[in-house]
Amino acid sequence: MENLIKFVQDEFVPKNELPAFAAGDTITVYYEIKEGEKSRTQFFRGVVLQRRGSGTSETFTIRKMSGTIGVERIFPVNLPAIQKIEINKRGKVRRARIFYFRELTGKKARIKEKRG
């Protein structure tokens, strides 16, 4: 049964070609929003908190500050509405899930940039 589910996901779910990114990176996700007949492109720029799952069910969480309020958004990797992902900064963090980042404010909420 498990093999059958994996086969169907591999065959029929379209895969997005995305750049390699990890927790701590600052990225911009451009995605399409359909409102009735019209569609427009919107972007969400923030720090990647985590990538979880594998294969077609993989997701990633992005956090940004909108004024003084933190906003998080979870995107499936294979979401057809995602048009492109730009990597703005590569962050240097020591773990795969940086939930401690939620409590940090001000200068403490900066992530060191990777060199090289």
N, C-alpha and C. Protein backbone atom coordinates (compact mmCIF):
# COMPACT_ATOMS: atom_id res chain seq x y z
N MET A 1 0.82 -1.20 0.00
CA MET A 1 0.00 0.00 0.00
C MET A 1 0.87 1.26 0.00
N GLU A 2 1.92 1.25 0.83
CA GLU A 2 2.80 2.41 0.90
C GLU A 2 3.50 2.67 -0.44
N ASN A 3 3.91 1.58 -1.08
CA ASN A 3 4.58 1.72 -2.38
C ASN A 3 3.63 2.30 -3.41
N LEU A 4 2.36 1.93 -3.35
CA LEU A 4 1.36 2.42 -4.29
C LEU A 4 1.17 3.93 -4.14
N ILE A 5 1.09 4.39 -2.89
CA ILE A 5 0.93 5.83 -2.63
C ILE A 5 2.15 6.60 -3.14
N LYS A 6 3.33 6.08 -2.88
CA LYS A 6 4.56 6.73 -3.34
C LYS A 6 4.61 6.78 -4.86
N PHE A 7 4.20 5.70 -5.52
CA PHE A 7 4.19 5.64 -6.98
C PHE A 7 3.26 6.70 -7.56
N VAL A 8 2.06 6.81 -7.00
CA VAL A 8 1.08 7.78 -7.51
C VAL A 8 1.60 9.21 -7.31
N GLN A 9 2.19 9.49 -6.15
CA GLN A 9 2.72 10.82 -5.90
C GLN A 9 3.85 11.15 -6.86
N ASP A 10 4.74 10.20 -7.10
CA ASP A 10 5.87 10.44 -7.99
C ASP A 10 5.42 10.65 -9.43
N GLU A 11 4.39 9.91 -9.84
CA GLU A 11 3.96 9.96 -11.24
C GLU A 11 3.08 11.17 -11.55
N PHE A 12 2.15 11.49 -10.66
CA PHE A 12 1.09 12.43 -11.03
C PHE A 12 1.18 13.81 -10.40
N VAL A 13 1.93 13.96 -9.33
CA VAL A 13 2.05 15.28 -8.70
C VAL A 13 3.19 16.03 -9.38
N PRO A 14 2.90 17.22 -9.96
CA PRO A 14 3.96 17.96 -10.63
C PRO A 14 4.98 18.49 -9.62
N LYS A 15 6.26 18.43 -9.99
CA LYS A 15 7.34 18.87 -9.11
C LYS A 15 7.81 20.26 -9.54
N ASN A 16 7.99 21.15 -8.56
CA ASN A 16 8.55 22.47 -8.83
C ASN A 16 10.07 22.39 -8.75
N GLU A 17 10.74 23.05 -9.66
CA GLU A 17 12.19 23.14 -9.62
C GLU A 17 12.55 24.37 -8.79
N LEU A 18 12.95 24.14 -7.54
CA LEU A 18 13.24 25.24 -6.64
C LEU A 18 14.72 25.24 -6.25
N PRO A 19 15.27 26.41 -5.94
CA PRO A 19 16.66 26.44 -5.48
C PRO A 19 16.78 25.79 -4.10
N ALA A 20 17.97 25.36 -3.76
CA ALA A 20 18.21 24.72 -2.46
C ALA A 20 18.29 25.80 -1.39
N PHE A 21 17.45 25.68 -0.37
CA PHE A 21 17.48 26.60 0.75
C PHE A 21 17.22 25.82 2.03
N ALA A 22 17.62 26.40 3.16
CA ALA A 22 17.49 25.72 4.45
C ALA A 22 17.07 26.72 5.51
N ALA A 23 16.93 26.26 6.73
CA ALA A 23 16.54 27.12 7.84
C ALA A 23 17.59 28.21 8.03
N GLY A 24 17.12 29.42 8.32
CA GLY A 24 18.02 30.56 8.51
C GLY A 24 18.19 31.41 7.27
N ASP A 25 17.85 30.88 6.11
CA ASP A 25 17.97 31.65 4.87
C ASP A 25 16.82 32.65 4.76
N THR A 26 17.10 33.81 4.20
CA THR A 26 16.06 34.79 3.90
C THR A 26 15.69 34.63 2.44
N ILE A 27 14.42 34.32 2.18
CA ILE A 27 13.98 34.07 0.80
C ILE A 27 12.74 34.89 0.48
N THR A 28 12.49 35.05 -0.82
CA THR A 28 11.28 35.69 -1.30
C THR A 28 10.53 34.67 -2.14
N VAL A 29 9.28 34.41 -1.77
CA VAL A 29 8.44 33.47 -2.50
C VAL A 29 7.43 34.27 -3.30
N TYR A 30 7.44 34.11 -4.62
CA TYR A 30 6.45 34.74 -5.50
C TYR A 30 5.37 33.71 -5.80
N TYR A 31 4.12 34.04 -5.49
CA TYR A 31 3.04 33.11 -5.72
C TYR A 31 1.84 33.83 -6.33
N GLU A 32 1.05 33.08 -7.05
CA GLU A 32 -0.08 33.62 -7.80
C GLU A 32 -1.34 33.52 -6.97
N ILE A 33 -2.12 34.60 -6.96
CA ILE A 33 -3.40 34.63 -6.26
C ILE A 33 -4.49 34.84 -7.30
N LYS A 34 -5.49 33.98 -7.28
CA LYS A 34 -6.61 34.12 -8.20
C LYS A 34 -7.80 34.69 -7.43
N GLU A 35 -8.33 35.80 -7.95
CA GLU A 35 -9.52 36.42 -7.37
C GLU A 35 -10.57 36.51 -8.45
N GLY A 36 -11.48 35.55 -8.45
CA GLY A 36 -12.50 35.51 -9.49
C GLY A 36 -11.87 35.23 -10.84
N GLU A 37 -12.00 36.15 -11.77
CA GLU A 37 -11.44 35.98 -13.12
C GLU A 37 -9.98 36.44 -13.17
N LYS A 38 -9.64 37.37 -12.28
CA LYS A 38 -8.30 37.97 -12.33
C LYS A 38 -7.30 37.17 -11.51
N SER A 39 -6.03 37.28 -11.87
CA SER A 39 -4.96 36.69 -11.07
C SER A 39 -3.81 37.69 -10.98
N ARG A 40 -3.14 37.67 -9.84
CA ARG A 40 -2.01 38.57 -9.64
C ARG A 40 -0.91 37.84 -8.88
N THR A 41 0.29 38.38 -8.97
CA THR A 41 1.43 37.79 -8.29
C THR A 41 1.73 38.58 -7.02
N GLN A 42 1.90 37.87 -5.91
CA GLN A 42 2.22 38.49 -4.64
C GLN A 42 3.49 37.83 -4.12
N PHE A 43 4.25 38.55 -3.31
CA PHE A 43 5.46 37.94 -2.76
C PHE A 43 5.42 37.97 -1.25
N PHE A 44 6.17 37.04 -0.65
CA PHE A 44 6.28 36.93 0.81
C PHE A 44 7.75 36.74 1.10
N ARG A 45 8.36 37.75 1.75
CA ARG A 45 9.79 37.71 2.04
C ARG A 45 10.00 37.53 3.54
N GLY A 46 10.80 36.52 3.90
CA GLY A 46 11.06 36.30 5.30
C GLY A 46 12.14 35.25 5.52
N VAL A 47 12.31 34.87 6.78
CA VAL A 47 13.33 33.90 7.18
C VAL A 47 12.70 32.51 7.24
N VAL A 48 13.39 31.53 6.68
CA VAL A 48 12.90 30.15 6.72
C VAL A 48 13.12 29.61 8.13
N LEU A 49 12.03 29.18 8.78
CA LEU A 49 12.13 28.60 10.11
C LEU A 49 12.41 27.11 10.04
N GLN A 50 11.81 26.43 9.07
CA GLN A 50 11.98 24.99 8.98
C GLN A 50 11.58 24.49 7.60
N ARG A 51 12.10 23.33 7.27
CA ARG A 51 11.59 22.52 6.15
C ARG A 51 11.21 21.19 6.77
N ARG A 52 10.02 20.69 6.45
CA ARG A 52 9.62 19.43 7.05
C ARG A 52 8.93 18.56 6.02
N GLY A 53 8.97 17.25 6.28
CA GLY A 53 8.37 16.30 5.35
C GLY A 53 9.37 15.89 4.29
N SER A 54 8.91 15.06 3.37
CA SER A 54 9.78 14.63 2.28
C SER A 54 8.92 14.34 1.05
N GLY A 55 9.58 14.38 -0.08
CA GLY A 55 8.87 14.07 -1.32
C GLY A 55 7.83 15.11 -1.66
N THR A 56 6.65 14.65 -2.07
CA THR A 56 5.62 15.57 -2.53
C THR A 56 4.91 16.29 -1.40
N SER A 57 5.02 15.75 -0.18
CA SER A 57 4.31 16.38 0.94
C SER A 57 5.22 17.30 1.75
N GLU A 58 6.36 17.69 1.21
CA GLU A 58 7.29 18.55 1.93
C GLU A 58 6.75 19.98 2.02
N THR A 59 6.95 20.63 3.17
CA THR A 59 6.53 22.01 3.36
C THR A 59 7.68 22.81 3.97
N PHE A 60 7.56 24.14 3.88
CA PHE A 60 8.51 25.01 4.55
C PHE A 60 7.76 26.18 5.17
N THR A 61 8.28 26.67 6.29
CA THR A 61 7.65 27.75 7.04
C THR A 61 8.53 28.99 6.95
N ILE A 62 7.90 30.12 6.65
CA ILE A 62 8.61 31.39 6.54
C ILE A 62 8.01 32.37 7.55
N ARG A 63 8.87 33.17 8.17
CA ARG A 63 8.41 34.17 9.14
C ARG A 63 8.93 35.54 8.74
N LYS A 64 8.05 36.53 8.78
CA LYS A 64 8.45 37.91 8.55
C LYS A 64 7.79 38.79 9.59
N MET A 65 8.33 39.97 9.78
CA MET A 65 7.73 40.95 10.68
C MET A 65 6.95 41.95 9.85
N SER A 66 5.66 42.09 10.17
CA SER A 66 4.80 43.08 9.52
C SER A 66 4.51 44.15 10.56
N GLY A 67 5.30 45.20 10.55
CA GLY A 67 5.23 46.20 11.61
C GLY A 67 5.82 45.59 12.87
N THR A 68 5.01 45.47 13.91
CA THR A 68 5.48 44.86 15.15
C THR A 68 4.92 43.46 15.34
N ILE A 69 4.19 42.97 14.36
CA ILE A 69 3.55 41.66 14.46
C ILE A 69 4.29 40.66 13.60
N GLY A 70 4.60 39.49 14.16
CA GLY A 70 5.25 38.43 13.40
C GLY A 70 4.21 37.65 12.61
N VAL A 71 4.49 37.41 11.33
CA VAL A 71 3.57 36.68 10.46
C VAL A 71 4.31 35.46 9.92
N GLU A 72 3.71 34.28 10.09
CA GLU A 72 4.29 33.06 9.56
C GLU A 72 3.37 32.48 8.51
N ARG A 73 3.98 31.88 7.50
CA ARG A 73 3.21 31.26 6.44
C ARG A 73 3.86 29.93 6.09
N ILE A 74 3.04 28.90 5.91
CA ILE A 74 3.53 27.57 5.55
C ILE A 74 3.19 27.33 4.09
N PHE A 75 4.22 27.00 3.30
CA PHE A 75 4.05 26.72 1.88
C PHE A 75 4.37 25.26 1.60
N PRO A 76 3.52 24.54 0.88
CA PRO A 76 3.93 23.23 0.35
C PRO A 76 4.96 23.45 -0.76
N VAL A 77 5.96 22.60 -0.83
CA VAL A 77 7.01 22.75 -1.84
C VAL A 77 6.43 22.61 -3.25
N ASN A 78 5.46 21.72 -3.42
CA ASN A 78 4.91 21.47 -4.75
C ASN A 78 3.63 22.25 -5.02
N LEU A 79 3.44 23.39 -4.37
CA LEU A 79 2.27 24.22 -4.61
C LEU A 79 2.33 24.78 -6.04
N PRO A 80 1.32 24.51 -6.86
CA PRO A 80 1.36 24.99 -8.25
C PRO A 80 1.36 26.52 -8.35
N ALA A 81 0.86 27.21 -7.34
CA ALA A 81 0.78 28.67 -7.38
C ALA A 81 2.14 29.34 -7.20
N ILE A 82 3.14 28.62 -6.68
CA ILE A 82 4.48 29.20 -6.51
C ILE A 82 5.11 29.38 -7.89
N GLN A 83 5.45 30.64 -8.19
CA GLN A 83 6.08 30.92 -9.47
C GLN A 83 7.60 30.82 -9.40
N LYS A 84 8.17 31.43 -8.37
CA LYS A 84 9.62 31.32 -8.20
C LYS A 84 10.00 31.64 -6.76
N ILE A 85 11.20 31.23 -6.40
CA ILE A 85 11.75 31.53 -5.08
C ILE A 85 13.13 32.13 -5.28
N GLU A 86 13.34 33.30 -4.68
CA GLU A 86 14.65 33.95 -4.72
C GLU A 86 15.30 33.83 -3.35
N ILE A 87 16.57 33.53 -3.32
CA ILE A 87 17.30 33.48 -2.06
C ILE A 87 18.01 34.82 -1.90
N ASN A 88 17.62 35.58 -0.86
CA ASN A 88 18.20 36.90 -0.64
C ASN A 88 19.48 36.82 0.19
N LYS A 89 19.46 36.00 1.26
CA LYS A 89 20.63 35.84 2.13
C LYS A 89 20.72 34.41 2.60
N ARG A 90 21.92 33.92 2.72
CA ARG A 90 22.15 32.59 3.31
C ARG A 90 22.47 32.80 4.78
N GLY A 91 21.71 32.18 5.65
CA GLY A 91 21.92 32.36 7.08
C GLY A 91 22.75 31.24 7.67
N LYS A 92 23.49 31.58 8.73
CA LYS A 92 24.30 30.57 9.41
C LYS A 92 23.63 30.25 10.74
N VAL A 93 22.95 29.10 10.80
CA VAL A 93 22.32 28.64 12.03
C VAL A 93 22.79 27.22 12.31
N ARG A 94 22.65 26.80 13.57
CA ARG A 94 23.19 25.50 13.96
C ARG A 94 22.15 24.40 14.06
N ARG A 95 20.91 24.71 13.72
CA ARG A 95 19.88 23.67 13.79
C ARG A 95 18.91 23.79 12.62
N ALA A 96 18.14 22.73 12.41
CA ALA A 96 17.27 22.64 11.24
C ALA A 96 15.94 23.36 11.46
N ARG A 97 15.54 23.53 12.72
CA ARG A 97 14.28 24.20 13.02
C ARG A 97 14.55 25.29 14.04
N ILE A 98 14.38 26.53 13.63
CA ILE A 98 14.81 27.65 14.47
C ILE A 98 13.59 28.34 15.11
N PHE A 99 12.83 27.60 15.89
CA PHE A 99 11.65 28.16 16.53
C PHE A 99 12.02 29.15 17.63
N TYR A 100 13.24 29.10 18.15
CA TYR A 100 13.68 30.07 19.14
C TYR A 100 13.67 31.48 18.56
N PHE A 101 13.70 31.59 17.25
CA PHE A 101 13.72 32.87 16.54
C PHE A 101 12.44 33.67 16.80
N ARG A 102 11.34 32.98 17.13
CA ARG A 102 10.06 33.65 17.37
C ARG A 102 10.11 34.59 18.57
N GLU A 103 10.86 34.23 19.60
CA GLU A 103 10.91 35.02 20.83
C GLU A 103 11.90 36.18 20.75
N LEU A 104 12.77 36.18 19.75
CA LEU A 104 13.81 37.21 19.67
C LEU A 104 13.27 38.48 19.04
N THR A 105 13.72 39.63 19.57
CA THR A 105 13.32 40.91 18.99
C THR A 105 14.55 41.80 18.86
N GLY A 106 14.44 42.80 18.03
CA GLY A 106 15.51 43.79 17.87
C GLY A 106 16.77 43.21 17.28
N LYS A 107 17.92 43.60 17.84
CA LYS A 107 19.20 43.17 17.29
C LYS A 107 19.46 41.69 17.50
N LYS A 108 18.82 41.11 18.52
CA LYS A 108 19.00 39.67 18.77
C LYS A 108 18.38 38.84 17.66
N ALA A 109 17.42 39.40 16.93
CA ALA A 109 16.71 38.65 15.90
C ALA A 109 17.45 38.65 14.57
N ARG A 110 18.72 39.03 14.60
CA ARG A 110 19.50 38.97 13.35
C ARG A 110 20.18 37.62 13.24
N ILE A 111 20.30 37.15 12.03
CA ILE A 111 20.98 35.87 11.77
C ILE A 111 22.27 36.19 11.03
N LYS A 112 23.36 35.60 11.48
CA LYS A 112 24.65 35.81 10.80
C LYS A 112 24.57 35.26 9.38
N GLU A 113 25.27 35.94 8.50
CA GLU A 113 25.27 35.53 7.10
C GLU A 113 26.43 34.56 6.85
N LYS A 114 26.18 33.56 6.01
CA LYS A 114 27.22 32.60 5.66
C LYS A 114 28.25 33.29 4.78
N ARG A 115 29.48 32.94 4.98
CA ARG A 115 30.55 33.49 4.14
C ARG A 115 30.98 32.43 3.13
N GLY A 116 31.26 32.91 1.93
CA GLY A 116 31.81 32.01 0.93
C GLY A 116 30.89 31.18 0.23
